[in-house]
Amino acid sequence: MRFWHKTFVICDQITGPNSFFGGFCYICVSMKRLLLYSVILLVISACTRTYDVVVAGGGTGGTAAAIEAARGGARTLVVEEGAWLGGVLTSAGVSAVDGNYRLRGGIFGEFADSLAVRYGGYDALRSGWVSNILFNPRVGAEIFSDIASESGVDVKFGTTVTDIGRKRGSGDWMLRLSDGSRIRARILIDGTELGDVARVVGAEALDDSRVVQDMTYVAILKEYDHDVLMEKPEGYDVELYRNCCLNPLAEDIDGNNPKGQKLWSPEQMLSYGRLPDGYIMLNWPIYGNDYYADYLALMPGERSETFGQAKSRTLGFVYFLWHELRFTRIGIANDVFPTVDGLPFYPYFREARRIAGRDTMTVDAARNPYSSDRYTRAVAVGDYPVDHHHYANPGWRELSHLGFGPIPSFSVPLGVVIPVTVEDLLVADKAVSVDWEMNGAVRLQPVLLGLGQAAGALAAIAASSGRHPSEVPVEEVQSVLLDHGCYLLPFLDLKPGEQGFRELQERGVRGEVKGVGRTVGWANETWVNL
């Protein structure tokens, strides 16, 4: 305000009636106003940076969207509250990839290949039994940072979007950021963990009031060469953890805990998330650090207390391992996350507030892929079961049947990233248009990377051609994704780079060939030629 006051004073001094120019008649008054308005517009313009695509939130899908948009020629900015890109895979500490091991394409394949190079091959990534691809979150963040930088993505870390509006006339997005800067964007992408941007701009949400999945505040543990000193956390309750594994405190009911889950040995529990460099990812759903709260009902400013409770659940679990199970040399790693307590930047959220999109992915669509024409609009694939976490919920008995719902591998249509009600907005993370049950499979990291890459391709095409994303034919997006080695359909017959891969995928989305899906344990799959 002090700046504008000085501007008015200067203008008065230059053009006022007692100035040298004061005798120039009435036109000077108009020139005075014009000069003032021009100064204001020049200052605002100088303070506003213009981008083709702005991704609000560097989540898993948001990171992929930004990389793909930049590679498509769009000037792209990511606004990320934390200090890393990668979302669930890095910032939330879930550094064990769920599924798509045989469907490594696009940015997901690039990321996985980079991990294999860092650690000395894909065999080295099978260090724990929960996944075929495990890694240190810090390493994952470095890889995403390198890819984003090489692709020409601008990033503002430690920053949030504080205000969103539309510019009259052009319809471009006008954003104010927490660092005081102003940004103008042709296309806005919601890459946040919980769909916060879509909520703010009024993107219609799916009519779905089902119970939210448990969240988890993951911890990365380290085995030190000396005993670790650990104080009992406030509110520690041994009853929360004693049935996490086989131990003298557990209620062993024929090898299971009271919820019917298998009791593993303590060593097996810790080797579940063993990382290639020896660290331990603690993301244990069996009387471990899963935590239930209806976090989707909370606005951003209301979340800190709930997230603190989730963190306390994890700190109590670490203390249980140290004090009750006598793993006295294991503690929270002090050289992974650049946070005060060594824990991730935020919890692992398994759900977001999902938009109503131009397509909605459902469990029925996964089980019966040719019952509609969704497959013709396919842009991303997944092969993980429908995995819901509800055991920390007091009402878990009514939801326990959702543990691992059988489905074949599946594809997801482009329309899930395009809201019905808001133009020039795309969604690139868990807030995509998917029904509550199917979210248990779409939420996994490789699917989010695929959907994010599709959103980025669509944004770049729309920005360069002056069209709304809803006006871009899906075939244009599919062509770009195939150029970049992505799977559109989960056919295992041919891999990206192999002769005939592109033709098979193109014939698949045209309906000229069809795959047969099946559930084979955890390895859901689809083949054109069984």
Protein backbone atom coordinates (compact mmCIF):
# COMPACT_ATOMS: atom_id res chain seq x y z
CA MET A 1 0.00 0.00 0.00
CA ARG A 2 2.90 2.38 0.70
CA PHE A 3 4.11 1.88 -2.90
CA TRP A 4 0.76 2.85 -4.39
CA HIS A 5 0.53 5.94 -2.15
CA LYS A 6 3.91 7.14 -3.41
CA THR A 7 2.80 6.51 -7.00
CA PHE A 8 -0.26 8.70 -6.52
CA VAL A 9 1.86 11.46 -4.93
CA ILE A 10 4.36 11.45 -7.78
CA CYS A 11 1.57 11.60 -10.37
CA ASP A 12 0.01 14.53 -8.50
CA GLN A 13 3.32 16.35 -8.40
CA ILE A 14 3.84 15.87 -12.12
CA THR A 15 0.34 16.67 -13.40
CA GLY A 16 -1.29 18.67 -10.58
CA PRO A 17 -2.72 22.18 -11.17
CA ASN A 18 0.23 23.85 -9.43
CA SER A 19 2.84 21.97 -11.43
CA PHE A 20 4.70 23.15 -14.49
CA PHE A 21 2.16 21.23 -16.60
CA GLY A 22 -0.83 22.53 -14.71
CA GLY A 23 -1.77 25.12 -17.33
CA PHE A 24 -2.25 22.63 -20.10
CA CYS A 25 -6.03 22.44 -19.76
CA TYR A 26 -8.39 19.55 -19.04
CA ILE A 27 -6.55 16.91 -21.08
CA CYS A 28 -3.84 16.78 -18.45
CA VAL A 29 -6.33 15.32 -15.97
CA SER A 30 -7.06 12.48 -18.33
CA MET A 31 -3.37 11.99 -19.01
CA LYS A 32 -2.75 11.92 -15.28
CA ARG A 33 -5.22 9.07 -14.85
CA LEU A 34 -3.87 7.29 -17.89
CA LEU A 35 -0.33 7.58 -16.57
CA LEU A 36 -1.37 6.18 -13.21
CA TYR A 37 -3.24 3.23 -14.71
CA SER A 38 -0.33 2.53 -17.04
CA VAL A 39 2.10 2.47 -14.13
CA ILE A 40 -0.14 0.10 -12.20
CA LEU A 41 -0.55 -2.25 -15.19
CA LEU A 42 3.17 -2.21 -15.92
CA VAL A 43 4.01 -3.09 -12.31
CA ILE A 44 1.44 -5.92 -12.20
CA SER A 45 2.62 -7.25 -15.56
CA ALA A 46 6.25 -7.13 -14.44
CA CYS A 47 5.37 -9.13 -11.32
CA THR A 48 3.33 -11.78 -13.18
CA ARG A 49 5.11 -14.69 -14.86
CA THR A 50 3.31 -16.53 -17.61
CA TYR A 51 3.34 -20.31 -18.13
CA ASP A 52 1.55 -22.62 -20.51
CA VAL A 53 1.04 -25.20 -17.75
CA VAL A 54 1.17 -24.84 -13.98
CA VAL A 55 1.05 -27.97 -11.84
CA ALA A 56 -0.08 -27.21 -8.30
CA GLY A 57 1.47 -29.96 -6.19
CA GLY A 58 4.46 -32.14 -6.99
CA GLY A 59 2.71 -35.40 -6.15
CA THR A 60 3.42 -38.61 -8.03
CA GLY A 61 1.03 -37.83 -10.86
CA GLY A 62 1.77 -34.11 -10.72
CA THR A 63 5.48 -34.74 -11.22
CA ALA A 64 4.84 -36.94 -14.26
CA ALA A 65 2.41 -34.37 -15.66
CA ALA A 66 4.98 -31.59 -15.40
CA ILE A 67 7.73 -33.66 -17.04
CA GLU A 68 5.50 -34.69 -19.94
CA ALA A 69 4.08 -31.20 -20.47
CA ALA A 70 7.57 -29.70 -20.61
CA ARG A 71 8.73 -32.36 -23.03
CA GLY A 72 5.73 -31.47 -25.17
CA GLY A 73 7.02 -27.93 -25.55
CA ALA A 74 4.92 -26.26 -22.85
CA ARG A 75 6.55 -23.79 -20.50
CA THR A 76 5.80 -25.58 -17.23
CA LEU A 77 5.95 -24.74 -13.54
CA VAL A 78 5.46 -26.98 -10.50
CA VAL A 79 4.41 -25.34 -7.23
CA GLU A 80 5.27 -27.75 -4.41
CA GLU A 81 4.81 -27.16 -0.68
CA GLY A 82 7.59 -29.54 0.34
CA ALA A 83 11.18 -29.93 -0.80
CA TRP A 84 10.92 -32.94 -3.12
CA LEU A 85 9.10 -34.06 -6.24
CA GLY A 86 7.53 -37.51 -6.46
CA GLY A 87 4.71 -37.50 -3.91
CA VAL A 88 3.88 -40.93 -2.52
CA LEU A 89 7.08 -42.49 -3.87
CA THR A 90 9.36 -39.96 -2.21
CA SER A 91 7.84 -37.25 0.00
CA ALA A 92 5.50 -39.71 1.75
CA GLY A 93 8.18 -42.39 1.99
CA VAL A 94 6.33 -45.24 0.23
CA SER A 95 9.43 -46.28 -1.65
CA ALA A 96 8.17 -49.71 -2.62
CA VAL A 97 6.44 -49.75 -5.99
CA ASP A 98 3.09 -51.55 -6.04
CA GLY A 99 2.52 -53.41 -9.29
CA ASN A 100 3.25 -52.85 -12.99
CA TYR A 101 6.57 -54.67 -12.79
CA ARG A 102 5.89 -56.23 -16.20
CA LEU A 103 4.25 -53.04 -17.49
CA ARG A 104 7.21 -50.69 -17.22
CA GLY A 105 6.52 -47.99 -19.78
CA GLY A 106 6.70 -44.21 -20.13
CA ILE A 107 7.95 -42.13 -17.22
CA PHE A 108 7.38 -45.02 -14.83
CA GLY A 109 9.71 -47.20 -16.91
CA GLU A 110 12.25 -44.37 -17.09
CA PHE A 111 12.15 -43.94 -13.32
CA ALA A 112 12.45 -47.68 -12.68
CA ASP A 113 15.36 -48.01 -15.13
CA SER A 114 17.14 -45.12 -13.38
CA LEU A 115 16.75 -46.89 -10.05
CA ALA A 116 18.18 -50.09 -11.54
CA VAL A 117 21.19 -48.15 -12.81
CA ARG A 118 21.74 -46.51 -9.41
CA TYR A 119 21.60 -49.79 -7.49
CA GLY A 120 23.27 -52.11 -10.00
CA GLY A 121 20.38 -53.84 -11.73
CA TYR A 122 16.79 -54.89 -11.19
CA ASP A 123 17.75 -57.84 -9.01
CA ALA A 124 19.19 -55.40 -6.49
CA LEU A 125 15.80 -53.66 -6.22
CA ARG A 126 14.16 -56.86 -4.87
CA SER A 127 15.55 -56.27 -1.39
CA GLY A 128 12.22 -56.68 0.46
CA TRP A 129 9.33 -59.05 -0.08
CA VAL A 130 6.57 -56.46 -0.52
CA SER A 131 7.73 -55.32 -3.95
CA ASN A 132 10.05 -56.03 -6.88
CA ILE A 133 11.18 -52.40 -6.88
CA LEU A 134 12.36 -50.84 -3.60
CA PHE A 135 14.62 -47.83 -3.10
CA ASN A 136 15.63 -45.08 -0.72
CA PRO A 137 13.14 -42.16 -0.96
CA ARG A 138 16.02 -39.70 -1.16
CA VAL A 139 17.38 -41.51 -4.21
CA GLY A 140 13.94 -41.45 -5.81
CA ALA A 141 13.67 -37.70 -5.19
CA GLU A 142 17.07 -37.14 -6.79
CA ILE A 143 16.01 -39.08 -9.88
CA PHE A 144 12.76 -37.15 -10.28
CA SER A 145 14.66 -33.89 -9.79
CA ASP A 146 17.15 -34.84 -12.49
CA ILE A 147 14.43 -35.88 -14.96
CA ALA A 148 12.40 -32.73 -14.31
CA SER A 149 15.44 -30.48 -14.68
CA GLU A 150 16.57 -32.17 -17.91
CA SER A 151 13.02 -31.79 -19.26
CA GLY A 152 12.99 -28.04 -18.58
CA VAL A 153 10.49 -27.96 -15.71
CA ASP A 154 10.59 -24.92 -13.41
CA VAL A 155 9.93 -25.73 -9.74
CA LYS A 156 9.03 -23.56 -6.76
CA PHE A 157 9.61 -25.58 -3.59
CA GLY A 158 8.29 -24.53 -0.19
CA THR A 159 5.43 -22.75 -1.91
CA THR A 160 1.66 -23.13 -2.13
CA VAL A 161 -1.11 -21.61 -4.22
CA THR A 162 -3.00 -19.17 -1.98
CA ASP A 163 -5.49 -17.70 -4.46
CA ILE A 164 -6.92 -18.82 -7.80
CA GLY A 165 -8.95 -16.84 -10.31
CA ARG A 166 -9.60 -16.46 -14.03
CA LYS A 167 -8.43 -13.54 -16.18
CA ARG A 168 -11.25 -11.75 -17.94
CA GLY A 169 -11.18 -12.01 -21.68
CA SER A 170 -8.52 -14.70 -22.07
CA GLY A 171 -9.86 -17.08 -19.42
CA ASP A 172 -6.31 -17.87 -18.30
CA TRP A 173 -5.72 -18.89 -14.71
CA MET A 174 -4.32 -16.22 -12.38
CA LEU A 175 -2.56 -17.65 -9.33
CA ARG A 176 -1.14 -15.98 -6.26
CA LEU A 177 1.54 -17.95 -4.45
CA SER A 178 2.60 -18.00 -0.82
CA ASP A 179 5.90 -16.31 -1.71
CA GLY A 180 3.95 -13.28 -2.96
CA SER A 181 4.47 -13.94 -6.66
CA ARG A 182 1.75 -13.97 -9.30
CA ILE A 183 1.48 -16.58 -12.03
CA ARG A 184 -0.59 -16.68 -15.18
CA ALA A 185 -1.31 -20.12 -16.68
CA ARG A 186 -3.11 -21.39 -19.73
CA ILE A 187 -3.74 -24.85 -18.23
CA LEU A 188 -3.85 -25.67 -14.51
CA ILE A 189 -3.17 -29.20 -13.25
CA ASP A 190 -4.06 -30.38 -9.75
CA GLY A 191 -1.12 -32.50 -8.65
CA THR A 192 -1.91 -32.31 -4.92
CA GLU A 193 -2.28 -35.35 -2.72
CA LEU A 194 -5.90 -34.66 -1.73
CA GLY A 195 -7.37 -32.75 -4.69
CA ASP A 196 -7.21 -29.38 -2.95
CA VAL A 197 -7.05 -27.29 -6.13
CA ALA A 198 -10.03 -29.04 -7.71
CA ARG A 199 -12.01 -28.34 -4.55
CA VAL A 200 -11.07 -24.63 -4.50
CA VAL A 201 -12.03 -23.96 -8.12
CA GLY A 202 -15.32 -25.81 -7.77
CA ALA A 203 -14.69 -28.97 -9.77
CA GLU A 204 -17.67 -31.17 -9.04
CA ALA A 205 -16.91 -34.13 -6.77
CA LEU A 206 -18.25 -37.63 -7.21
CA ASP A 207 -21.29 -38.32 -5.06
CA ASP A 208 -19.51 -40.81 -2.84
CA SER A 209 -19.67 -40.78 0.95
CA ARG A 210 -18.02 -44.13 1.57
CA VAL A 211 -15.53 -44.68 4.38
CA VAL A 212 -12.08 -43.25 3.65
CA GLN A 213 -9.14 -45.64 3.71
CA ASP A 214 -6.59 -45.61 6.51
CA MET A 215 -3.59 -43.35 6.07
CA THR A 216 -0.06 -44.15 7.20
CA TYR A 217 2.77 -41.98 8.43
CA VAL A 218 5.62 -44.05 7.03
CA ALA A 219 9.02 -44.17 8.74
CA ILE A 220 12.37 -45.02 7.22
CA LEU A 221 14.43 -46.84 9.84
CA LYS A 222 18.16 -47.38 10.05
CA GLU A 223 20.20 -49.99 11.88
CA TYR A 224 22.92 -48.14 13.76
CA ASP A 225 26.20 -49.59 15.00
CA HIS A 226 25.25 -48.77 18.58
CA ASP A 227 22.21 -48.88 20.84
CA VAL A 228 19.75 -46.10 20.14
CA LEU A 229 18.36 -43.95 22.94
CA MET A 230 14.60 -43.58 22.67
CA GLU A 231 12.07 -41.94 24.98
CA LYS A 232 8.56 -43.29 25.39
CA PRO A 233 6.25 -41.18 23.18
CA GLU A 234 3.44 -39.34 24.87
CA GLY A 235 0.26 -41.44 24.82
CA TYR A 236 2.10 -44.67 23.99
CA ASP A 237 -0.22 -47.70 24.25
CA VAL A 238 1.30 -51.15 23.86
CA GLU A 239 -2.17 -52.59 23.08
CA LEU A 240 -2.10 -50.88 19.69
CA TYR A 241 0.90 -52.91 18.51
CA ARG A 242 1.20 -56.17 20.40
CA ASN A 243 -0.50 -58.21 17.67
CA CYS A 244 1.68 -56.87 14.87
CA CYS A 245 3.83 -60.04 14.67
CA LEU A 246 4.79 -63.20 16.53
CA ASN A 247 6.04 -62.09 19.94
CA PRO A 248 5.36 -62.93 23.61
CA LEU A 249 2.75 -60.19 23.89
CA ALA A 250 0.67 -61.28 20.89
CA GLU A 251 -2.67 -63.09 21.04
CA ASP A 252 -1.82 -66.03 18.82
CA ILE A 253 -5.06 -67.53 17.51
CA ASP A 254 -3.85 -70.48 15.44
CA GLY A 255 -1.12 -68.39 13.87
CA ASN A 256 -3.31 -65.34 13.32
CA ASN A 257 -4.03 -62.14 15.20
CA PRO A 258 -7.52 -61.17 16.48
CA LYS A 259 -8.43 -59.69 13.08
CA GLY A 260 -7.61 -62.94 11.30
CA GLN A 261 -4.35 -61.68 9.82
CA LYS A 262 -1.33 -63.93 9.60
CA LEU A 263 1.27 -63.40 12.30
CA TRP A 264 4.72 -63.03 10.76
CA SER A 265 7.96 -63.18 12.70
CA PRO A 266 9.51 -59.86 13.75
CA GLU A 267 12.32 -60.40 11.24
CA GLN A 268 9.85 -61.05 8.44
CA MET A 269 7.91 -57.93 9.41
CA LEU A 270 11.02 -55.78 9.11
CA SER A 271 12.27 -57.43 5.92
CA TYR A 272 8.92 -56.61 4.28
CA GLY A 273 10.18 -53.14 3.39
CA ARG A 274 13.94 -53.69 3.42
CA LEU A 275 15.53 -51.20 1.00
CA PRO A 276 18.54 -51.98 -1.22
CA ASP A 277 20.88 -49.85 0.90
CA GLY A 278 19.84 -51.59 4.13
CA TYR A 279 17.29 -49.08 5.39
CA ILE A 280 13.82 -50.27 6.42
CA MET A 281 10.55 -48.81 5.17
CA LEU A 282 8.06 -49.13 8.03
CA ASN A 283 4.64 -49.24 6.39
CA TRP A 284 3.07 -52.16 8.24
CA PRO A 285 -0.74 -52.51 8.12
CA ILE A 286 -1.09 -55.29 10.69
CA TYR A 287 -1.46 -53.56 14.07
CA GLY A 288 1.29 -51.25 12.92
CA ASN A 289 1.25 -47.66 11.73
CA ASP A 290 -1.97 -47.46 9.69
CA TYR A 291 -4.21 -44.77 11.19
CA TYR A 292 -7.89 -44.00 10.57
CA ALA A 293 -9.31 -40.48 10.41
CA ASP A 294 -11.79 -38.82 8.05
CA TYR A 295 -9.13 -36.51 6.68
CA LEU A 296 -11.06 -35.76 3.48
CA ALA A 297 -13.59 -33.80 5.54
CA LEU A 298 -10.84 -31.45 6.74
CA MET A 299 -9.75 -28.25 5.04
CA PRO A 300 -5.98 -27.67 4.69
CA GLY A 301 -5.81 -25.46 7.78
CA GLU A 302 -7.54 -28.10 9.89
CA ARG A 303 -5.29 -31.06 9.15
CA SER A 304 -2.21 -30.56 11.31
CA GLU A 305 -3.70 -32.06 14.49
CA THR A 306 -4.94 -35.17 12.67
CA PHE A 307 -1.63 -35.63 10.87
CA GLY A 308 0.12 -35.24 14.20
CA GLN A 309 -1.97 -38.10 15.61
CA ALA A 310 -0.98 -40.30 12.66
CA LYS A 311 2.65 -39.41 13.31
CA SER A 312 2.24 -40.34 16.98
CA ARG A 313 0.90 -43.75 15.96
CA THR A 314 4.09 -44.35 13.98
CA LEU A 315 6.40 -43.08 16.71
CA GLY A 316 4.67 -45.44 19.13
CA PHE A 317 5.23 -48.34 16.74
CA VAL A 318 8.94 -47.52 16.44
CA TYR A 319 9.13 -47.43 20.24
CA PHE A 320 7.38 -50.82 20.43
CA LEU A 321 10.02 -52.32 18.13
CA TRP A 322 12.80 -50.79 20.21
CA HIS A 323 11.44 -51.39 23.72
CA GLU A 324 9.20 -54.46 23.53
CA LEU A 325 10.86 -56.41 20.70
CA ARG A 326 14.37 -55.30 21.72
CA PHE A 327 15.55 -54.02 18.34
CA THR A 328 17.66 -51.58 20.30
CA ARG A 329 19.92 -50.57 17.41
CA ILE A 330 17.08 -49.63 15.08
CA GLY A 331 15.83 -46.07 14.99
CA ILE A 332 14.50 -43.45 12.61
CA ALA A 333 17.08 -42.71 9.92
CA ASN A 334 18.75 -39.35 10.36
CA ASP A 335 20.01 -39.03 6.79
CA VAL A 336 16.98 -39.62 4.55
CA PHE A 337 14.39 -36.87 5.05
CA PRO A 338 15.51 -33.27 5.69
CA THR A 339 12.93 -32.89 8.46
CA VAL A 340 13.38 -32.16 12.15
CA ASP A 341 12.14 -35.59 13.27
CA GLY A 342 13.46 -37.57 10.29
CA LEU A 343 9.95 -38.58 9.19
CA PRO A 344 8.48 -37.93 5.73
CA PHE A 345 7.02 -34.57 4.74
CA TYR A 346 3.45 -35.84 5.06
CA PRO A 347 1.46 -39.06 5.54
CA TYR A 348 0.65 -41.63 2.90
CA PHE A 349 -2.91 -40.82 1.83
CA ARG A 350 -4.71 -43.65 0.06
CA GLU A 351 -7.59 -41.49 -1.07
CA ALA A 352 -8.41 -37.98 -2.23
CA ARG A 353 -11.61 -36.06 -2.86
CA ARG A 354 -12.35 -37.43 -6.33
CA ILE A 355 -13.70 -35.28 -9.15
CA ALA A 356 -16.64 -36.08 -11.40
CA GLY A 357 -14.84 -36.55 -14.71
CA ARG A 358 -15.80 -37.08 -18.32
CA ASP A 359 -15.10 -40.76 -17.66
CA THR A 360 -15.32 -42.62 -14.36
CA MET A 361 -13.26 -45.76 -13.83
CA THR A 362 -15.08 -48.54 -11.94
CA VAL A 363 -14.39 -52.04 -10.71
CA ASP A 364 -16.91 -53.37 -13.21
CA ALA A 365 -15.00 -51.66 -16.03
CA ALA A 366 -11.82 -53.40 -14.88
CA ARG A 367 -13.47 -56.81 -14.66
CA ASN A 368 -15.38 -56.38 -17.92
CA PRO A 369 -13.21 -54.09 -20.07
CA TYR A 370 -15.26 -54.56 -23.23
CA SER A 371 -18.65 -53.90 -21.68
CA SER A 372 -18.29 -50.23 -22.73
CA ASP A 373 -16.07 -48.18 -25.02
CA ARG A 374 -13.79 -46.92 -22.22
CA TYR A 375 -10.93 -49.04 -23.57
CA THR A 376 -10.89 -46.95 -26.75
CA ARG A 377 -9.87 -43.95 -24.62
CA ALA A 378 -7.18 -45.82 -22.63
CA VAL A 379 -4.07 -43.88 -21.59
CA ALA A 380 -2.68 -45.69 -18.51
CA VAL A 381 -2.49 -49.23 -17.14
CA GLY A 382 -2.35 -51.08 -13.83
CA ASP A 383 -2.12 -54.69 -12.68
CA TYR A 384 -2.51 -54.41 -8.89
CA PRO A 385 -5.49 -55.92 -7.03
CA VAL A 386 -8.16 -53.75 -5.43
CA ASP A 387 -6.30 -53.08 -2.18
CA HIS A 388 -8.21 -51.31 0.60
CA HIS A 389 -6.80 -50.53 4.06
CA HIS A 390 -9.51 -50.33 6.71
CA TYR A 391 -8.21 -52.37 9.66
CA ALA A 392 -7.46 -49.25 11.71
CA ASN A 393 -11.10 -48.22 11.32
CA PRO A 394 -13.38 -49.22 14.23
CA GLY A 395 -15.84 -50.52 11.60
CA TRP A 396 -13.28 -52.72 9.83
CA ARG A 397 -15.46 -55.85 9.98
CA GLU A 398 -17.93 -54.39 7.49
CA LEU A 399 -15.10 -53.49 5.12
CA SER A 400 -12.68 -56.39 5.46
CA HIS A 401 -13.97 -58.06 2.25
CA LEU A 402 -12.23 -55.29 0.27
CA GLY A 403 -8.74 -56.54 1.16
CA PHE A 404 -7.66 -57.69 -2.28
CA GLY A 405 -10.61 -57.77 -4.65
CA PRO A 406 -9.73 -59.88 -7.70
CA ILE A 407 -9.51 -58.09 -11.05
CA PRO A 408 -7.41 -58.62 -14.18
CA SER A 409 -4.90 -55.99 -15.24
CA PHE A 410 -6.72 -52.92 -16.51
CA SER A 411 -6.54 -49.68 -18.47
CA VAL A 412 -7.84 -46.25 -17.44
CA PRO A 413 -9.50 -43.80 -19.88
CA LEU A 414 -8.32 -40.23 -20.45
CA GLY A 415 -11.60 -38.70 -19.28
CA VAL A 416 -10.84 -39.45 -15.62
CA VAL A 417 -8.40 -36.51 -15.54
CA ILE A 418 -10.85 -34.03 -17.13
CA PRO A 419 -13.49 -32.48 -14.82
CA VAL A 420 -16.99 -32.14 -16.20
CA THR A 421 -17.62 -28.66 -14.87
CA VAL A 422 -14.34 -26.69 -15.12
CA GLU A 423 -12.47 -26.01 -18.37
CA ASP A 424 -8.67 -25.84 -18.59
CA LEU A 425 -8.26 -27.79 -15.34
CA LEU A 426 -6.84 -31.31 -15.24
CA VAL A 427 -6.28 -33.67 -12.30
CA ALA A 428 -3.17 -35.80 -12.14
CA ASP A 429 -3.14 -37.67 -8.84
CA LYS A 430 -5.57 -39.61 -6.62
CA ALA A 431 -8.39 -37.08 -7.17
CA VAL A 432 -9.11 -38.50 -10.64
CA SER A 433 -12.62 -39.69 -11.45
CA VAL A 434 -12.71 -43.23 -10.07
CA ASP A 435 -15.27 -44.97 -7.92
CA TRP A 436 -14.58 -45.68 -4.28
CA GLU A 437 -13.81 -49.37 -4.64
CA MET A 438 -11.65 -49.08 -7.77
CA ASN A 439 -9.61 -46.36 -6.08
CA GLY A 440 -7.96 -49.27 -4.26
CA ALA A 441 -6.17 -50.17 -7.50
CA VAL A 442 -5.91 -46.83 -9.34
CA ARG A 443 -4.24 -45.13 -6.34
CA LEU A 444 -1.01 -47.13 -6.78
CA GLN A 445 2.12 -45.26 -7.87
CA PRO A 446 2.64 -46.61 -11.42
CA VAL A 447 -0.98 -45.87 -12.36
CA LEU A 448 -0.67 -42.33 -11.00
CA LEU A 449 2.52 -41.82 -13.00
CA GLY A 450 0.72 -43.03 -16.12
CA LEU A 451 -2.31 -40.81 -15.57
CA GLY A 452 -0.06 -37.87 -14.77
CA GLN A 453 1.87 -38.39 -17.98
CA ALA A 454 -1.39 -38.49 -19.93
CA ALA A 455 -2.56 -35.27 -18.26
CA GLY A 456 0.74 -33.60 -19.13
CA ALA A 457 0.52 -34.68 -22.76
CA LEU A 458 -3.06 -33.40 -22.99
CA ALA A 459 -2.11 -30.08 -21.36
CA ALA A 460 0.78 -29.49 -23.78
CA ILE A 461 -1.38 -30.25 -26.82
CA ALA A 462 -4.19 -27.99 -25.59
CA ALA A 463 -1.84 -25.12 -24.72
CA SER A 464 0.00 -25.18 -28.06
CA SER A 465 -3.16 -25.46 -30.16
CA GLY A 466 -5.34 -22.99 -28.26
CA ARG A 467 -7.98 -25.59 -27.46
CA HIS A 468 -9.59 -26.60 -24.20
CA PRO A 469 -8.39 -30.04 -23.05
CA SER A 470 -11.96 -31.31 -23.48
CA GLU A 471 -11.71 -30.45 -27.20
CA VAL A 472 -8.57 -32.50 -27.87
CA PRO A 473 -9.32 -35.90 -29.45
CA VAL A 474 -8.01 -38.77 -27.36
CA GLU A 475 -6.16 -40.14 -30.40
CA GLU A 476 -3.78 -37.16 -30.31
CA VAL A 477 -2.90 -37.88 -26.69
CA GLN A 478 -2.55 -41.61 -27.30
CA SER A 479 -0.18 -40.94 -30.21
CA VAL A 480 2.11 -38.82 -28.03
CA LEU A 481 2.08 -41.42 -25.26
CA LEU A 482 3.01 -44.17 -27.71
CA ASP A 483 5.82 -41.96 -29.02
CA HIS A 484 7.11 -41.93 -25.44
CA GLY A 485 6.92 -45.67 -24.85
CA CYS A 486 3.72 -45.81 -22.78
CA TYR A 487 1.25 -48.66 -22.50
CA LEU A 488 -2.33 -47.76 -23.39
CA LEU A 489 -3.64 -51.27 -22.77
CA PRO A 490 -2.05 -53.84 -20.43
CA PHE A 491 -1.18 -56.37 -23.15
CA LEU A 492 1.85 -58.40 -22.05
CA ASP A 493 2.50 -59.81 -25.53
CA LEU A 494 4.93 -57.04 -26.52
CA LYS A 495 6.97 -54.47 -24.61
CA PRO A 496 7.71 -50.84 -25.52
CA GLY A 497 10.54 -50.75 -28.03
CA GLU A 498 9.78 -54.20 -29.41
CA GLN A 499 8.73 -54.51 -33.03
CA GLY A 500 4.96 -54.38 -33.36
CA PHE A 501 4.30 -52.85 -29.91
CA ARG A 502 2.82 -49.62 -31.21
CA GLU A 503 0.70 -51.38 -33.82
CA LEU A 504 -0.68 -53.80 -31.21
CA GLN A 505 -1.60 -50.95 -28.87
CA GLU A 506 -3.23 -48.92 -31.66
CA ARG A 507 -5.22 -51.92 -32.88
CA GLY A 508 -6.25 -52.58 -29.29
CA VAL A 509 -7.78 -49.14 -28.71
CA ARG A 510 -9.54 -49.40 -32.08
CA GLY A 511 -11.08 -52.69 -30.98
CA GLU A 512 -9.45 -54.70 -33.77
CA VAL A 513 -7.78 -57.01 -31.24
CA LYS A 514 -8.93 -57.72 -27.72
CA GLY A 515 -7.12 -59.02 -24.69
CA VAL A 516 -8.12 -61.71 -22.25
CA GLY A 517 -7.53 -60.83 -18.60
CA ARG A 518 -7.06 -63.09 -15.64
CA THR A 519 -6.13 -62.98 -11.98
CA VAL A 520 -3.00 -64.92 -11.15
CA GLY A 521 -2.33 -64.30 -7.47
CA TRP A 522 -0.81 -60.85 -7.26
CA ALA A 523 0.23 -60.88 -10.91
CA ASN A 524 -2.96 -59.80 -12.66
CA GLU A 525 -2.44 -59.94 -16.39
CA THR A 526 -3.93 -59.55 -19.87
CA TRP A 527 -2.83 -61.23 -23.11
CA VAL A 528 -4.01 -60.96 -26.68
CA ASN A 529 -2.61 -64.43 -27.38
CA LEU A 530 -2.78 -66.65 -24.31
